[in-house]
Amino acid sequence: MNRFFVLYVTSGCHLCEQAERLIQGQTGIAVSAVEIADDAELLEQYGARIPVLQRQETGEELDWPFDMETLQRFLTG
């Protein structure tokens, strides 16, 4: 069973690219990247925090910076 996550990003963000690399290869999850620059509310909410990974079923968020250990705890929690 897949768990669903959203990764809030913006183009040209090297931190977002680092987060995407950490997330790639994780099994049992589905991640959809959302470009915050396309939505004024998202830009206001996440502009200074990206990348942010959000668990869809609970709304819980993991802000950058995170490492592999922190990411895996968040994904399985």
PDB file of N, CA and C in Angstrom:
ATOM      1  N   MET A   1       0.837  -1.184   0.000  1.00  0.00           N
ATOM      2  CA  MET A   1       0.000   0.000   0.000  1.00  0.00           C
ATOM      3  C   MET A   1       0.883   1.250   0.000  1.00  0.00           C
ATOM      4  N   ASN A   2       0.664   2.105  -0.972  1.00  0.00           N
ATOM      5  CA  ASN A   2       1.429   3.344  -1.061  1.00  0.00           C
ATOM      6  C   ASN A   2       0.880   4.390  -0.110  1.00  0.00           C
ATOM      7  N   ARG A   3       1.792   5.152   0.456  1.00  0.00           N
ATOM      8  CA  ARG A   3       1.431   6.350   1.208  1.00  0.00           C
ATOM      9  C   ARG A   3       1.710   7.525   0.289  1.00  0.00           C
ATOM     10  N   PHE A   4       0.888   8.557   0.388  1.00  0.00           N
ATOM     11  CA  PHE A   4       0.966   9.665  -0.550  1.00  0.00           C
ATOM     12  C   PHE A   4       1.516  10.921   0.115  1.00  0.00           C
ATOM     13  N   PHE A   5       2.448  11.566  -0.605  1.00  0.00           N
ATOM     14  CA  PHE A   5       3.136  12.755  -0.121  1.00  0.00           C
ATOM     15  C   PHE A   5       3.164  13.808  -1.213  1.00  0.00           C
ATOM     16  N   VAL A   6       3.264  15.069  -0.789  1.00  0.00           N
ATOM     17  CA  VAL A   6       3.469  16.188  -1.706  1.00  0.00           C
ATOM     18  C   VAL A   6       4.792  16.826  -1.322  1.00  0.00           C
ATOM     19  N   LEU A   7       5.611  17.115  -2.326  1.00  0.00           N
ATOM     20  CA  LEU A   7       6.852  17.840  -2.113  1.00  0.00           C
ATOM     21  C   LEU A   7       6.685  19.228  -2.728  1.00  0.00           C
ATOM     22  N   TYR A   8       6.676  20.246  -1.870  1.00  0.00           N
ATOM     23  CA  TYR A   8       6.548  21.626  -2.340  1.00  0.00           C
ATOM     24  C   TYR A   8       7.928  22.129  -2.741  1.00  0.00           C
ATOM     25  N   VAL A   9       8.029  22.599  -3.989  1.00  0.00           N
ATOM     26  CA  VAL A   9       9.310  22.999  -4.577  1.00  0.00           C
ATOM     27  C   VAL A   9       9.111  24.241  -5.436  1.00  0.00           C
ATOM     28  N   THR A  10      10.231  24.741  -5.947  1.00  0.00           N
ATOM     29  CA  THR A  10      10.188  25.737  -7.013  1.00  0.00           C
ATOM     30  C   THR A  10      11.370  25.469  -7.942  1.00  0.00           C
ATOM     31  N   SER A  11      11.215  25.823  -9.200  1.00  0.00           N
ATOM     32  CA  SER A  11      12.266  25.529 -10.177  1.00  0.00           C
ATOM     33  C   SER A  11      13.530  26.326  -9.861  1.00  0.00           C
ATOM     34  N   GLY A  12      14.671  25.719 -10.113  1.00  0.00           N
ATOM     35  CA  GLY A  12      15.950  26.356  -9.873  1.00  0.00           C
ATOM     36  C   GLY A  12      16.401  26.308  -8.425  1.00  0.00           C
ATOM     37  N   CYS A  13      15.681  25.590  -7.587  1.00  0.00           N
ATOM     38  CA  CYS A  13      16.006  25.501  -6.160  1.00  0.00           C
ATOM     39  C   CYS A  13      16.926  24.303  -5.939  1.00  0.00           C
ATOM     40  N   HIS A  14      18.201  24.564  -5.635  1.00  0.00           N
ATOM     41  CA  HIS A  14      19.143  23.451  -5.466  1.00  0.00           C
ATOM     42  C   HIS A  14      18.828  22.621  -4.227  1.00  0.00           C
ATOM     43  N   LEU A  15      18.236  23.229  -3.205  1.00  0.00           N
ATOM     44  CA  LEU A  15      17.823  22.465  -2.020  1.00  0.00           C
ATOM     45  C   LEU A  15      16.685  21.516  -2.370  1.00  0.00           C
ATOM     46  N   CYS A  16      15.779  21.975  -3.231  1.00  0.00           N
ATOM     47  CA  CYS A  16      14.676  21.123  -3.681  1.00  0.00           C
ATOM     48  C   CYS A  16      15.222  19.920  -4.453  1.00  0.00           C
ATOM     49  N   GLU A  17      16.220  20.160  -5.275  1.00  0.00           N
ATOM     50  CA  GLU A  17      16.842  19.065  -6.025  1.00  0.00           C
ATOM     51  C   GLU A  17      17.497  18.065  -5.080  1.00  0.00           C
ATOM     52  N   GLN A  18      18.137  18.556  -4.025  1.00  0.00           N
ATOM     53  CA  GLN A  18      18.742  17.656  -3.032  1.00  0.00           C
ATOM     54  C   GLN A  18      17.666  16.816  -2.354  1.00  0.00           C
ATOM     55  N   ALA A  19      16.563  17.439  -1.981  1.00  0.00           N
ATOM     56  CA  ALA A  19      15.467  16.716  -1.341  1.00  0.00           C
ATOM     57  C   ALA A  19      14.890  15.663  -2.281  1.00  0.00           C
ATOM     58  N   GLU A  20      14.710  16.021  -3.547  1.00  0.00           N
ATOM     59  CA  GLU A  20      14.186  15.066  -4.523  1.00  0.00           C
ATOM     60  C   GLU A  20      15.108  13.862  -4.663  1.00  0.00           C
ATOM     61  N   ARG A  21      16.409  14.093  -4.647  1.00  0.00           N
ATOM     62  CA  ARG A  21      17.368  12.973  -4.731  1.00  0.00           C
ATOM     63  C   ARG A  21      17.252  12.059  -3.517  1.00  0.00           C
ATOM     64  N   LEU A  22      17.084  12.637  -2.322  1.00  0.00           N
ATOM     65  CA  LEU A  22      16.917  11.820  -1.120  1.00  0.00           C
ATOM     66  C   LEU A  22      15.644  10.972  -1.195  1.00  0.00           C
ATOM     67  N   ILE A  23      14.587  11.559  -1.732  1.00  0.00           N
ATOM     68  CA  ILE A  23      13.287  10.889  -1.779  1.00  0.00           C
ATOM     69  C   ILE A  23      13.254   9.804  -2.847  1.00  0.00           C
ATOM     70  N   GLN A  24      13.967  10.008  -3.961  1.00  0.00           N
ATOM     71  CA  GLN A  24      13.999   9.012  -5.026  1.00  0.00           C
ATOM     72  C   GLN A  24      14.492   7.686  -4.460  1.00  0.00           C
ATOM     73  N   GLY A  25      13.889   6.642  -4.890  1.00  0.00           N
ATOM     74  CA  GLY A  25      14.320   5.327  -4.460  1.00  0.00           C
ATOM     75  C   GLY A  25      13.651   4.831  -3.196  1.00  0.00           C
ATOM     76  N   GLN A  26      12.884   5.690  -2.537  1.00  0.00           N
ATOM     77  CA  GLN A  26      12.128   5.243  -1.370  1.00  0.00           C
ATOM     78  C   GLN A  26      10.950   4.413  -1.877  1.00  0.00           C
ATOM     79  N   THR A  27      10.731   3.270  -1.287  1.00  0.00           N
ATOM     80  CA  THR A  27       9.666   2.390  -1.756  1.00  0.00           C
ATOM     81  C   THR A  27       8.419   2.538  -0.897  1.00  0.00           C
ATOM     82  N   GLY A  28       7.282   2.193  -1.485  1.00  0.00           N
ATOM     83  CA  GLY A  28       6.021   2.218  -0.760  1.00  0.00           C
ATOM     84  C   GLY A  28       5.424   3.597  -0.596  1.00  0.00           C
ATOM     85  N   ILE A  29       5.946   4.568  -1.346  1.00  0.00           N
ATOM     86  CA  ILE A  29       5.407   5.925  -1.274  1.00  0.00           C
ATOM     87  C   ILE A  29       5.165   6.464  -2.673  1.00  0.00           C
ATOM     88  N   ALA A  30       4.250   7.391  -2.769  1.00  0.00           N
ATOM     89  CA  ALA A  30       4.012   8.126  -4.003  1.00  0.00           C
ATOM     90  C   ALA A  30       4.184   9.601  -3.667  1.00  0.00           C
ATOM     91  N   VAL A  31       5.038  10.277  -4.440  1.00  0.00           N
ATOM     92  CA  VAL A  31       5.331  11.688  -4.178  1.00  0.00           C
ATOM     93  C   VAL A  31       4.996  12.506  -5.412  1.00  0.00           C
ATOM     94  N   SER A  32       4.252  13.567  -5.193  1.00  0.00           N
ATOM     95  CA  SER A  32       3.911  14.489  -6.261  1.00  0.00           C
ATOM     96  C   SER A  32       4.567  15.830  -5.944  1.00  0.00           C
ATOM     97  N   ALA A  33       5.361  16.345  -6.879  1.00  0.00           N
ATOM     98  CA  ALA A  33       5.995  17.647  -6.687  1.00  0.00           C
ATOM     99  C   ALA A  33       5.010  18.745  -7.089  1.00  0.00           C
ATOM    100  N   VAL A  34       4.904  19.772  -6.247  1.00  0.00           N
ATOM    101  CA  VAL A  34       4.024  20.909  -6.520  1.00  0.00           C
ATOM    102  C   VAL A  34       4.883  22.170  -6.601  1.00  0.00           C
ATOM    103  N   GLU A  35       4.768  22.858  -7.716  1.00  0.00           N
ATOM    104  CA  GLU A  35       5.493  24.110  -7.955  1.00  0.00           C
ATOM    105  C   GLU A  35       4.764  25.242  -7.238  1.00  0.00           C
ATOM    106  N   ILE A  36       5.399  25.819  -6.235  1.00  0.00           N
ATOM    107  CA  ILE A  36       4.727  26.848  -5.435  1.00  0.00           C
ATOM    108  C   ILE A  36       4.629  28.191  -6.153  1.00  0.00           C
ATOM    109  N   ALA A  37       5.487  28.426  -7.134  1.00  0.00           N
ATOM    110  CA  ALA A  37       5.486  29.721  -7.828  1.00  0.00           C
ATOM    111  C   ALA A  37       4.210  29.938  -8.638  1.00  0.00           C
ATOM    112  N   ASP A  38       3.470  28.853  -8.899  1.00  0.00           N
ATOM    113  CA  ASP A  38       2.244  28.945  -9.693  1.00  0.00           C
ATOM    114  C   ASP A  38       1.023  29.331  -8.858  1.00  0.00           C
ATOM    115  N   ASP A  39       1.184  29.461  -7.546  1.00  0.00           N
ATOM    116  CA  ASP A  39       0.050  29.720  -6.656  1.00  0.00           C
ATOM    117  C   ASP A  39       0.478  30.710  -5.571  1.00  0.00           C
ATOM    118  N   ALA A  40      -0.133  31.875  -5.541  1.00  0.00           N
ATOM    119  CA  ALA A  40       0.266  32.931  -4.598  1.00  0.00           C
ATOM    120  C   ALA A  40       0.160  32.478  -3.143  1.00  0.00           C
ATOM    121  N   GLU A  41      -0.883  31.704  -2.812  1.00  0.00           N
ATOM    122  CA  GLU A  41      -1.038  31.229  -1.435  1.00  0.00           C
ATOM    123  C   GLU A  41       0.077  30.252  -1.053  1.00  0.00           C
ATOM    124  N   LEU A  42       0.393  29.334  -1.958  1.00  0.00           N
ATOM    125  CA  LEU A  42       1.478  28.386  -1.689  1.00  0.00           C
ATOM    126  C   LEU A  42       2.814  29.110  -1.588  1.00  0.00           C
ATOM    127  N   LEU A  43       3.020  30.096  -2.445  1.00  0.00           N
ATOM    128  CA  LEU A  43       4.258  30.865  -2.414  1.00  0.00           C
ATOM    129  C   LEU A  43       4.409  31.578  -1.075  1.00  0.00           C
ATOM    130  N   GLU A  44       3.319  32.153  -0.581  1.00  0.00           N
ATOM    131  CA  GLU A  44       3.367  32.830   0.710  1.00  0.00           C
ATOM    132  C   GLU A  44       3.613  31.836   1.847  1.00  0.00           C
ATOM    133  N   GLN A  45       2.948  30.685   1.782  1.00  0.00           N
ATOM    134  CA  GLN A  45       3.040  29.699   2.854  1.00  0.00           C
ATOM    135  C   GLN A  45       4.389  28.974   2.884  1.00  0.00           C
ATOM    136  N   TYR A  46       4.942  28.648   1.702  1.00  0.00           N
ATOM    137  CA  TYR A  46       6.128  27.799   1.644  1.00  0.00           C
ATOM    138  C   TYR A  46       7.378  28.486   1.102  1.00  0.00           C
ATOM    139  N   GLY A  47       7.265  29.721   0.652  1.00  0.00           N
ATOM    140  CA  GLY A  47       8.374  30.395  -0.023  1.00  0.00           C
ATOM    141  C   GLY A  47       9.684  30.388   0.732  1.00  0.00           C
ATOM    142  N   ALA A  48       9.650  30.591   2.040  1.00  0.00           N
ATOM    143  CA  ALA A  48      10.882  30.639   2.837  1.00  0.00           C
ATOM    144  C   ALA A  48      11.236  29.283   3.432  1.00  0.00           C
ATOM    145  N   ARG A  49      10.381  28.268   3.200  1.00  0.00           N
ATOM    146  CA  ARG A  49      10.566  26.972   3.857  1.00  0.00           C
ATOM    147  C   ARG A  49      10.950  25.838   2.909  1.00  0.00           C
ATOM    148  N   ILE A  50      10.781  26.010   1.612  1.00  0.00           N
ATOM    149  CA  ILE A  50      10.960  24.892   0.687  1.00  0.00           C
ATOM    150  C   ILE A  50      12.394  24.379   0.702  1.00  0.00           C
ATOM    151  N   PRO A  51      12.531  23.117   0.405  1.00  0.00           N
ATOM    152  CA  PRO A  51      11.490  22.133   0.115  1.00  0.00           C
ATOM    153  C   PRO A  51      10.792  21.649   1.380  1.00  0.00           C
ATOM    154  N   VAL A  52       9.501  21.357   1.232  1.00  0.00           N
ATOM    155  CA  VAL A  52       8.690  20.836   2.334  1.00  0.00           C
ATOM    156  C   VAL A  52       7.970  19.595   1.828  1.00  0.00           C
ATOM    157  N   LEU A  53       8.096  18.514   2.584  1.00  0.00           N
ATOM    158  CA  LEU A  53       7.415  17.269   2.255  1.00  0.00           C
ATOM    159  C   LEU A  53       6.199  17.151   3.168  1.00  0.00           C
ATOM    160  N   GLN A  54       5.027  16.919   2.577  1.00  0.00           N
ATOM    161  CA  GLN A  54       3.789  16.850   3.353  1.00  0.00           C
ATOM    162  C   GLN A  54       3.139  15.483   3.196  1.00  0.00           C
ATOM    163  N   ARG A  55       2.764  14.899   4.330  1.00  0.00           N
ATOM    164  CA  ARG A  55       2.025  13.623   4.351  1.00  0.00           C
ATOM    165  C   ARG A  55       0.559  13.951   4.077  1.00  0.00           C
ATOM    166  N   GLN A  56       0.000  13.400   3.016  1.00  0.00           N
ATOM    167  CA  GLN A  56      -1.354  13.754   2.607  1.00  0.00           C
ATOM    168  C   GLN A  56      -2.432  13.344   3.597  1.00  0.00           C
ATOM    169  N   GLU A  57      -2.305  12.179   4.217  1.00  0.00           N
ATOM    170  CA  GLU A  57      -3.393  11.725   5.086  1.00  0.00           C
ATOM    171  C   GLU A  57      -3.495  12.510   6.394  1.00  0.00           C
ATOM    172  N   THR A  58      -2.398  13.114   6.848  1.00  0.00           N
ATOM    173  CA  THR A  58      -2.427  13.838   8.124  1.00  0.00           C
ATOM    174  C   THR A  58      -2.124  15.322   7.989  1.00  0.00           C
ATOM    175  N   GLY A  59      -1.499  15.729   6.888  1.00  0.00           N
ATOM    176  CA  GLY A  59      -1.081  17.117   6.723  1.00  0.00           C
ATOM    177  C   GLY A  59       0.239  17.419   7.418  1.00  0.00           C
ATOM    178  N   GLU A  60       0.816  16.417   8.094  1.00  0.00           N
ATOM    179  CA  GLU A  60       2.104  16.604   8.777  1.00  0.00           C
ATOM    180  C   GLU A  60       3.171  16.990   7.749  1.00  0.00           C
ATOM    181  N   GLU A  61       4.061  17.896   8.144  1.00  0.00           N
ATOM    182  CA  GLU A  61       5.073  18.400   7.215  1.00  0.00           C
ATOM    183  C   GLU A  61       6.482  18.210   7.766  1.00  0.00           C
ATOM    184  N   LEU A  62       7.390  17.969   6.838  1.00  0.00           N
ATOM    185  CA  LEU A  62       8.809  17.869   7.145  1.00  0.00           C
ATOM    186  C   LEU A  62       9.520  18.963   6.360  1.00  0.00           C
ATOM    187  N   ASP A  63      10.056  19.943   7.093  1.00  0.00           N
ATOM    188  CA  ASP A  63      10.761  21.065   6.463  1.00  0.00           C
ATOM    189  C   ASP A  63      12.229  20.711   6.239  1.00  0.00           C
ATOM    190  N   TRP A  64      12.804  21.305   5.224  1.00  0.00           N
ATOM    191  CA  TRP A  64      14.232  21.215   4.980  1.00  0.00           C
ATOM    192  C   TRP A  64      14.943  22.016   6.046  1.00  0.00           C
ATOM    193  N   PRO A  65      16.095  21.621   6.533  1.00  0.00           N
ATOM    194  CA  PRO A  65      16.904  20.509   6.034  1.00  0.00           C
ATOM    195  C   PRO A  65      16.539  19.189   6.713  1.00  0.00           C
ATOM    196  N   PHE A  66      16.598  18.104   5.922  1.00  0.00           N
ATOM    197  CA  PHE A  66      16.441  16.771   6.473  1.00  0.00           C
ATOM    198  C   PHE A  66      17.430  15.840   5.803  1.00  0.00           C
ATOM    199  N   ASP A  67      17.862  14.839   6.556  1.00  0.00           N
ATOM    200  CA  ASP A  67      18.786  13.845   6.021  1.00  0.00           C
ATOM    201  C   ASP A  67      18.025  12.547   5.802  1.00  0.00           C
ATOM    202  N   MET A  68      18.721  11.504   5.341  1.00  0.00           N
ATOM    203  CA  MET A  68      18.076  10.240   5.018  1.00  0.00           C
ATOM    204  C   MET A  68      17.408   9.627   6.248  1.00  0.00           C
ATOM    205  N   GLU A  69      18.069   9.695   7.394  1.00  0.00           N
ATOM    206  CA  GLU A  69      17.510   9.116   8.614  1.00  0.00           C
ATOM    207  C   GLU A  69      16.214   9.822   9.020  1.00  0.00           C
ATOM    208  N   THR A  70      16.228  11.147   8.991  1.00  0.00           N
ATOM    209  CA  THR A  70      15.036  11.927   9.337  1.00  0.00           C
ATOM    210  C   THR A  70      13.914  11.665   8.329  1.00  0.00           C
ATOM    211  N   LEU A  71      14.276  11.597   7.058  1.00  0.00           N
ATOM    212  CA  LEU A  71      13.297  11.328   6.009  1.00  0.00           C
ATOM    213  C   LEU A  71      12.635   9.965   6.221  1.00  0.00           C
ATOM    214  N   GLN A  72      13.422   8.946   6.486  1.00  0.00           N
ATOM    215  CA  GLN A  72      12.857   7.602   6.658  1.00  0.00           C
ATOM    216  C   GLN A  72      11.949   7.527   7.880  1.00  0.00           C
ATOM    217  N   ARG A  73      12.321   8.206   8.959  1.00  0.00           N
ATOM    218  CA  ARG A  73      11.429   8.249  10.139  1.00  0.00           C
ATOM    219  C   ARG A  73      10.106   8.922   9.792  1.00  0.00           C
ATOM    220  N   PHE A  74      10.175  10.012   9.024  1.00  0.00           N
ATOM    221  CA  PHE A  74       8.961  10.726   8.626  1.00  0.00           C
ATOM    222  C   PHE A  74       8.091   9.860   7.711  1.00  0.00           C
ATOM    223  N   LEU A  75       8.720   9.185   6.772  1.00  0.00           N
ATOM    224  CA  LEU A  75       7.972   8.380   5.810  1.00  0.00           C
ATOM    225  C   LEU A  75       7.280   7.187   6.456  1.00  0.00           C
ATOM    226  N   THR A  76       7.880   6.633   7.486  1.00  0.00           N
ATOM    227  CA  THR A  76       7.335   5.434   8.110  1.00  0.00           C
ATOM    228  C   THR A  76       6.516   5.731   9.361  1.00  0.00           C
ATOM    229  N   GLY A  77       6.561   6.980   9.825  1.00  0.00           N
ATOM    230  CA  GLY A  77       5.876   7.361  11.060  1.00  0.00           C
ATOM    231  C   GLY A  77       4.381   7.427  10.957  1.00  0.00           C
TER     232      GLY A  77
END
